[in-house]
Amino acid sequence: MNHDITGEKRGFFGRTLEEIAVGDTITYHIGEYAQGPHKSDAFIASNDGLCLLFQRKLGGGQFAYIAYKTKRKKK
């Protein structure tokens, strides 16, 4: 299942990542380049091994920036 948080404020990425199931995705930005309020949180989660980041070409120079949840955060 995909969760689109492109219209949400900063801080929403982490909460969404905690709540979704492994294998779900989060679309956190749509645009020409990776940016927006969720970029930093997405990169941190990726570096922590909680998700994989990828982009999907939409056309017209636009991309969907997506995080694929790989595992649950250890408590």
PDB file of N, CA and C in Angstrom:
ATOM      1  N   MET A   1       0.838  -1.171   0.000  1.00  0.00           N
ATOM      2  CA  MET A   1       0.000   0.000   0.000  1.00  0.00           C
ATOM      3  C   MET A   1       0.890   1.243   0.000  1.00  0.00           C
ATOM      4  N   ASN A   2       0.515   2.244  -0.770  1.00  0.00           N
ATOM      5  CA  ASN A   2       1.270   3.495  -0.805  1.00  0.00           C
ATOM      6  C   ASN A   2       0.579   4.547   0.057  1.00  0.00           C
ATOM      7  N   HIS A   3       1.382   5.311   0.774  1.00  0.00           N
ATOM      8  CA  HIS A   3       0.899   6.393   1.626  1.00  0.00           C
ATOM      9  C   HIS A   3       1.490   7.688   1.091  1.00  0.00           C
ATOM     10  N   ASP A   4       0.642   8.593   0.636  1.00  0.00           N
ATOM     11  CA  ASP A   4       1.085   9.855   0.055  1.00  0.00           C
ATOM     12  C   ASP A   4       1.079  10.930   1.138  1.00  0.00           C
ATOM     13  N   ILE A   5       2.278  11.403   1.504  1.00  0.00           N
ATOM     14  CA  ILE A   5       2.376  12.447   2.529  1.00  0.00           C
ATOM     15  C   ILE A   5       2.933  13.739   1.933  1.00  0.00           C
ATOM     16  N   THR A   6       2.843  13.893   0.633  1.00  0.00           N
ATOM     17  CA  THR A   6       3.415  15.064  -0.026  1.00  0.00           C
ATOM     18  C   THR A   6       2.796  16.374   0.461  1.00  0.00           C
ATOM     19  N   GLY A   7       1.592  16.360   0.943  1.00  0.00           N
ATOM     20  CA  GLY A   7       0.931  17.573   1.414  1.00  0.00           C
ATOM     21  C   GLY A   7       1.032  17.794   2.912  1.00  0.00           C
ATOM     22  N   GLU A   8       1.756  16.912   3.602  1.00  0.00           N
ATOM     23  CA  GLU A   8       1.849  16.995   5.067  1.00  0.00           C
ATOM     24  C   GLU A   8       3.048  17.830   5.507  1.00  0.00           C
ATOM     25  N   LYS A   9       2.999  18.286   6.761  1.00  0.00           N
ATOM     26  CA  LYS A   9       4.073  19.098   7.323  1.00  0.00           C
ATOM     27  C   LYS A   9       5.233  18.238   7.800  1.00  0.00           C
ATOM     28  N   ARG A  10       6.365  18.896   8.036  1.00  0.00           N
ATOM     29  CA  ARG A  10       7.573  18.240   8.529  1.00  0.00           C
ATOM     30  C   ARG A  10       7.271  17.442   9.797  1.00  0.00           C
ATOM     31  N   GLY A  11       7.897  16.273   9.923  1.00  0.00           N
ATOM     32  CA  GLY A  11       7.696  15.408  11.078  1.00  0.00           C
ATOM     33  C   GLY A  11       6.718  14.281  10.822  1.00  0.00           C
ATOM     34  N   PHE A  12       5.955  14.371   9.756  1.00  0.00           N
ATOM     35  CA  PHE A  12       4.945  13.365   9.452  1.00  0.00           C
ATOM     36  C   PHE A  12       5.563  12.091   8.899  1.00  0.00           C
ATOM     37  N   PHE A  13       6.737  12.182   8.278  1.00  0.00           N
ATOM     38  CA  PHE A  13       7.381  11.011   7.676  1.00  0.00           C
ATOM     39  C   PHE A  13       7.659   9.938   8.738  1.00  0.00           C
ATOM     40  N   GLY A  14       8.281  10.328   9.837  1.00  0.00           N
ATOM     41  CA  GLY A  14       8.639   9.365  10.886  1.00  0.00           C
ATOM     42  C   GLY A  14       7.443   8.662  11.485  1.00  0.00           C
ATOM     43  N   ARG A  15       6.396   9.418  11.758  1.00  0.00           N
ATOM     44  CA  ARG A  15       5.175   8.814  12.317  1.00  0.00           C
ATOM     45  C   ARG A  15       4.552   7.837  11.331  1.00  0.00           C
ATOM     46  N   THR A  16       4.539   8.221  10.068  1.00  0.00           N
ATOM     47  CA  THR A  16       3.966   7.346   9.044  1.00  0.00           C
ATOM     48  C   THR A  16       4.793   6.076   8.904  1.00  0.00           C
ATOM     49  N   LEU A  17       6.115   6.215   8.897  1.00  0.00           N
ATOM     50  CA  LEU A  17       6.994   5.049   8.763  1.00  0.00           C
ATOM     51  C   LEU A  17       6.796   4.070   9.918  1.00  0.00           C
ATOM     52  N   GLU A  18       6.580   4.573  11.124  1.00  0.00           N
ATOM     53  CA  GLU A  18       6.341   3.701  12.280  1.00  0.00           C
ATOM     54  C   GLU A  18       5.021   2.948  12.165  1.00  0.00           C
ATOM     55  N   GLU A  19       4.010   3.581  11.583  1.00  0.00           N
ATOM     56  CA  GLU A  19       2.664   3.013  11.554  1.00  0.00           C
ATOM     57  C   GLU A  19       2.403   2.054  10.396  1.00  0.00           C
ATOM     58  N   ILE A  20       3.126   2.199   9.292  1.00  0.00           N
ATOM     59  CA  ILE A  20       2.828   1.369   8.117  1.00  0.00           C
ATOM     60  C   ILE A  20       3.487  -0.006   8.226  1.00  0.00           C
ATOM     61  N   ALA A  21       3.019  -0.928   7.418  1.00  0.00           N
ATOM     62  CA  ALA A  21       3.542  -2.300   7.418  1.00  0.00           C
ATOM     63  C   ALA A  21       4.820  -2.381   6.586  1.00  0.00           C
ATOM     64  N   VAL A  22       5.661  -3.347   6.937  1.00  0.00           N
ATOM     65  CA  VAL A  22       6.845  -3.636   6.124  1.00  0.00           C
ATOM     66  C   VAL A  22       6.356  -3.983   4.717  1.00  0.00           C
ATOM     67  N   GLY A  23       6.993  -3.388   3.712  1.00  0.00           N
ATOM     68  CA  GLY A  23       6.588  -3.595   2.324  1.00  0.00           C
ATOM     69  C   GLY A  23       5.729  -2.465   1.769  1.00  0.00           C
ATOM     70  N   ASP A  24       5.166  -1.641   2.656  1.00  0.00           N
ATOM     71  CA  ASP A  24       4.404  -0.475   2.208  1.00  0.00           C
ATOM     72  C   ASP A  24       5.366   0.617   1.760  1.00  0.00           C
ATOM     73  N   THR A  25       4.845   1.595   1.025  1.00  0.00           N
ATOM     74  CA  THR A  25       5.666   2.703   0.558  1.00  0.00           C
ATOM     75  C   THR A  25       5.078   4.034   0.998  1.00  0.00           C
ATOM     76  N   ILE A  26       5.958   5.036   1.041  1.00  0.00           N
ATOM     77  CA  ILE A  26       5.563   6.405   1.337  1.00  0.00           C
ATOM     78  C   ILE A  26       6.045   7.294   0.195  1.00  0.00           C
ATOM     79  N   THR A  27       5.140   7.970  -0.462  1.00  0.00           N
ATOM     80  CA  THR A  27       5.529   8.996  -1.424  1.00  0.00           C
ATOM     81  C   THR A  27       5.676  10.282  -0.624  1.00  0.00           C
ATOM     82  N   TYR A  28       6.929  10.777  -0.533  1.00  0.00           N
ATOM     83  CA  TYR A  28       7.189  11.925   0.333  1.00  0.00           C
ATOM     84  C   TYR A  28       7.465  13.214  -0.419  1.00  0.00           C
ATOM     85  N   HIS A  29       7.671  13.143  -1.720  1.00  0.00           N
ATOM     86  CA  HIS A  29       7.853  14.367  -2.505  1.00  0.00           C
ATOM     87  C   HIS A  29       7.626  14.070  -3.983  1.00  0.00           C
ATOM     88  N   ILE A  30       7.060  15.033  -4.682  1.00  0.00           N
ATOM     89  CA  ILE A  30       6.940  14.968  -6.138  1.00  0.00           C
ATOM     90  C   ILE A  30       7.524  16.260  -6.678  1.00  0.00           C
ATOM     91  N   GLY A  31       8.479  16.116  -7.591  1.00  0.00           N
ATOM     92  CA  GLY A  31       9.112  17.293  -8.165  1.00  0.00           C
ATOM     93  C   GLY A  31      10.284  16.915  -9.039  1.00  0.00           C
ATOM     94  N   GLU A  32      11.014  17.925  -9.456  1.00  0.00           N
ATOM     95  CA  GLU A  32      12.160  17.720 -10.337  1.00  0.00           C
ATOM     96  C   GLU A  32      13.353  17.136  -9.574  1.00  0.00           C
ATOM     97  N   TYR A  33      13.507  17.564  -8.325  1.00  0.00           N
ATOM     98  CA  TYR A  33      14.620  17.102  -7.480  1.00  0.00           C
ATOM     99  C   TYR A  33      14.078  16.678  -6.124  1.00  0.00           C
ATOM    100  N   ALA A  34      14.830  15.815  -5.423  1.00  0.00           N
ATOM    101  CA  ALA A  34      14.450  15.410  -4.066  1.00  0.00           C
ATOM    102  C   ALA A  34      14.614  16.615  -3.150  1.00  0.00           C
ATOM    103  N   GLN A  35      13.509  17.059  -2.577  1.00  0.00           N
ATOM    104  CA  GLN A  35      13.520  18.171  -1.636  1.00  0.00           C
ATOM    105  C   GLN A  35      12.234  18.117  -0.833  1.00  0.00           C
ATOM    106  N   GLY A  36      11.897  19.163  -0.153  1.00  0.00           N
ATOM    107  CA  GLY A  36      10.660  19.211   0.615  1.00  0.00           C
ATOM    108  C   GLY A  36      10.880  18.912   2.081  1.00  0.00           C
ATOM    109  N   PRO A  37       9.804  18.993   2.879  1.00  0.00           N
ATOM    110  CA  PRO A  37       9.918  18.874   4.330  1.00  0.00           C
ATOM    111  C   PRO A  37      10.284  17.474   4.838  1.00  0.00           C
ATOM    112  N   HIS A  38      10.168  16.452   3.997  1.00  0.00           N
ATOM    113  CA  HIS A  38      10.416  15.076   4.445  1.00  0.00           C
ATOM    114  C   HIS A  38      11.757  14.515   3.970  1.00  0.00           C
ATOM    115  N   LYS A  39      12.485  15.274   3.150  1.00  0.00           N
ATOM    116  CA  LYS A  39      13.730  14.778   2.568  1.00  0.00           C
ATOM    117  C   LYS A  39      14.728  14.338   3.634  1.00  0.00           C
ATOM    118  N   SER A  40      14.973  15.174   4.609  1.00  0.00           N
ATOM    119  CA  SER A  40      15.949  14.866   5.658  1.00  0.00           C
ATOM    120  C   SER A  40      15.544  13.626   6.451  1.00  0.00           C
ATOM    121  N   ASP A  41      14.281  13.556   6.852  1.00  0.00           N
ATOM    122  CA  ASP A  41      13.796  12.401   7.619  1.00  0.00           C
ATOM    123  C   ASP A  41      13.886  11.116   6.798  1.00  0.00           C
ATOM    124  N   ALA A  42      13.612  11.196   5.507  1.00  0.00           N
ATOM    125  CA  ALA A  42      13.699  10.021   4.635  1.00  0.00           C
ATOM    126  C   ALA A  42      15.144   9.531   4.543  1.00  0.00           C
ATOM    127  N   PHE A  43      16.094  10.454   4.376  1.00  0.00           N
ATOM    128  CA  PHE A  43      17.505  10.072   4.292  1.00  0.00           C
ATOM    129  C   PHE A  43      18.002   9.458   5.595  1.00  0.00           C
ATOM    130  N   ILE A  44      17.591  10.014   6.726  1.00  0.00           N
ATOM    131  CA  ILE A  44      17.997   9.467   8.029  1.00  0.00           C
ATOM    132  C   ILE A  44      17.448   8.051   8.201  1.00  0.00           C
ATOM    133  N   ALA A  45      16.172   7.858   7.885  1.00  0.00           N
ATOM    134  CA  ALA A  45      15.566   6.524   8.000  1.00  0.00           C
ATOM    135  C   ALA A  45      16.251   5.533   7.074  1.00  0.00           C
ATOM    136  N   SER A  46      16.624   5.973   5.886  1.00  0.00           N
ATOM    137  CA  SER A  46      17.338   5.104   4.954  1.00  0.00           C
ATOM    138  C   SER A  46      18.710   4.726   5.507  1.00  0.00           C
ATOM    139  N   ASN A  47      19.430   5.697   6.042  1.00  0.00           N
ATOM    140  CA  ASN A  47      20.754   5.422   6.629  1.00  0.00           C
ATOM    141  C   ASN A  47      20.661   4.494   7.833  1.00  0.00           C
ATOM    142  N   ASP A  48      19.533   4.519   8.539  1.00  0.00           N
ATOM    143  CA  ASP A  48      19.303   3.632   9.683  1.00  0.00           C
ATOM    144  C   ASP A  48      18.820   2.251   9.250  1.00  0.00           C
ATOM    145  N   GLY A  49      18.634   2.052   7.950  1.00  0.00           N
ATOM    146  CA  GLY A  49      18.208   0.751   7.428  1.00  0.00           C
ATOM    147  C   GLY A  49      16.725   0.476   7.559  1.00  0.00           C
ATOM    148  N   LEU A  50      15.918   1.503   7.812  1.00  0.00           N
ATOM    149  CA  LEU A  50      14.482   1.310   7.997  1.00  0.00           C
ATOM    150  C   LEU A  50      13.698   1.338   6.689  1.00  0.00           C
ATOM    151  N   CYS A  51      14.316   1.893   5.641  1.00  0.00           N
ATOM    152  CA  CYS A  51      13.633   1.971   4.357  1.00  0.00           C
ATOM    153  C   CYS A  51      14.658   2.089   3.238  1.00  0.00           C
ATOM    154  N   LEU A  52      14.193   1.824   2.039  1.00  0.00           N
ATOM    155  CA  LEU A  52      14.975   2.049   0.826  1.00  0.00           C
ATOM    156  C   LEU A  52      14.334   3.205   0.084  1.00  0.00           C
ATOM    157  N   LEU A  53      15.153   4.102  -0.443  1.00  0.00           N
ATOM    158  CA  LEU A  53      14.629   5.244  -1.178  1.00  0.00           C
ATOM    159  C   LEU A  53      14.808   5.028  -2.670  1.00  0.00           C
ATOM    160  N   PHE A  54      13.804   5.388  -3.422  1.00  0.00           N
ATOM    161  CA  PHE A  54      13.905   5.316  -4.872  1.00  0.00           C
ATOM    162  C   PHE A  54      13.015   6.389  -5.474  1.00  0.00           C
ATOM    163  N   GLN A  55      13.158   6.586  -6.768  1.00  0.00           N
ATOM    164  CA  GLN A  55      12.328   7.561  -7.476  1.00  0.00           C
ATOM    165  C   GLN A  55      11.672   6.898  -8.669  1.00  0.00           C
ATOM    166  N   ARG A  56      10.500   7.385  -8.990  1.00  0.00           N
ATOM    167  CA  ARG A  56       9.748   6.883 -10.146  1.00  0.00           C
ATOM    168  C   ARG A  56       9.519   8.064 -11.080  1.00  0.00           C
ATOM    169  N   LYS A  57       9.916   7.913 -12.327  1.00  0.00           N
ATOM    170  CA  LYS A  57       9.751   8.985 -13.309  1.00  0.00           C
ATOM    171  C   LYS A  57       8.279   9.131 -13.668  1.00  0.00           C
ATOM    172  N   LEU A  58       7.784  10.371 -13.580  1.00  0.00           N
ATOM    173  CA  LEU A  58       6.391  10.653 -13.895  1.00  0.00           C
ATOM    174  C   LEU A  58       6.226  11.290 -15.268  1.00  0.00           C
ATOM    175  N   GLY A  59       7.307  11.830 -15.803  1.00  0.00           N
ATOM    176  CA  GLY A  59       7.246  12.525 -17.087  1.00  0.00           C
ATOM    177  C   GLY A  59       7.330  14.027 -16.885  1.00  0.00           C
ATOM    178  N   GLY A  60       7.695  14.723 -17.938  1.00  0.00           N
ATOM    179  CA  GLY A  60       7.794  16.163 -17.868  1.00  0.00           C
ATOM    180  C   GLY A  60       8.843  16.655 -16.889  1.00  0.00           C
ATOM    181  N   GLY A  61       9.868  15.838 -16.640  1.00  0.00           N
ATOM    182  CA  GLY A  61      10.915  16.217 -15.702  1.00  0.00           C
ATOM    183  C   GLY A  61      10.534  16.056 -14.244  1.00  0.00           C
ATOM    184  N   GLN A  62       9.399  15.433 -13.971  1.00  0.00           N
ATOM    185  CA  GLN A  62       8.920  15.250 -12.596  1.00  0.00           C
ATOM    186  C   GLN A  62       9.151  13.810 -12.141  1.00  0.00           C
ATOM    187  N   PHE A  63       9.449  13.671 -10.851  1.00  0.00           N
ATOM    188  CA  PHE A  63       9.673  12.367 -10.245  1.00  0.00           C
ATOM    189  C   PHE A  63       8.878  12.257  -8.952  1.00  0.00           C
ATOM    190  N   ALA A  64       8.469  11.045  -8.630  1.00  0.00           N
ATOM    191  CA  ALA A  64       7.893  10.751  -7.315  1.00  0.00           C
ATOM    192  C   ALA A  64       9.027  10.161  -6.481  1.00  0.00           C
ATOM    193  N   TYR A  65       9.276  10.742  -5.317  1.00  0.00           N
ATOM    194  CA  TYR A  65      10.317  10.255  -4.409  1.00  0.00           C
ATOM    195  C   TYR A  65       9.634   9.400  -3.348  1.00  0.00           C
ATOM    196  N   ILE A  66      10.087   8.157  -3.251  1.00  0.00           N
ATOM    197  CA  ILE A  66       9.362   7.132  -2.513  1.00  0.00           C
ATOM    198  C   ILE A  66      10.292   6.393  -1.554  1.00  0.00           C
ATOM    199  N   ALA A  67       9.765   6.081  -0.373  1.00  0.00           N
ATOM    200  CA  ALA A  67      10.476   5.258   0.611  1.00  0.00           C
ATOM    201  C   ALA A  67       9.741   3.920   0.734  1.00  0.00           C
ATOM    202  N   TYR A  68      10.493   2.836   0.639  1.00  0.00           N
ATOM    203  CA  TYR A  68       9.954   1.470   0.775  1.00  0.00           C
ATOM    204  C   TYR A  68      10.370   0.951   2.144  1.00  0.00           C
ATOM    205  N   LYS A  69       9.403   0.668   3.013  1.00  0.00           N
ATOM    206  CA  LYS A  69       9.715   0.227   4.380  1.00  0.00           C
ATOM    207  C   LYS A  69      10.271  -1.194   4.365  1.00  0.00           C
ATOM    208  N   THR A  70      11.452  -1.368   4.982  1.00  0.00           N
ATOM    209  CA  THR A  70      12.117  -2.667   4.979  1.00  0.00           C
ATOM    210  C   THR A  70      12.041  -3.404   6.310  1.00  0.00           C
ATOM    211  N   LYS A  71      11.961  -2.660   7.424  1.00  0.00           N
ATOM    212  CA  LYS A  71      11.874  -3.338   8.721  1.00  0.00           C
ATOM    213  C   LYS A  71      11.359  -2.385   9.783  1.00  0.00           C
ATOM    214  N   ARG A  72      11.008  -2.942  10.917  1.00  0.00           N
ATOM    215  CA  ARG A  72      10.532  -2.161  12.063  1.00  0.00           C
ATOM    216  C   ARG A  72      11.718  -1.605  12.836  1.00  0.00           C
ATOM    217  N   LYS A  73      11.515  -0.465  13.451  1.00  0.00           N
ATOM    218  CA  LYS A  73      12.538   0.147  14.283  1.00  0.00           C
ATOM    219  C   LYS A  73      12.674  -0.666  15.569  1.00  0.00           C
ATOM    220  N   LYS A  74      13.929  -0.914  15.971  1.00  0.00           N
ATOM    221  CA  LYS A  74      14.160  -1.649  17.212  1.00  0.00           C
ATOM    222  C   LYS A  74      13.869  -0.765  18.401  1.00  0.00           C
ATOM    223  N   LYS A  75      13.251  -1.348  19.430  1.00  0.00           N
ATOM    224  CA  LYS A  75      12.902  -0.595  20.637  1.00  0.00           C
ATOM    225  C   LYS A  75      13.965  -0.708  21.675  1.00  0.00           C
TER     226      LYS A  75
END
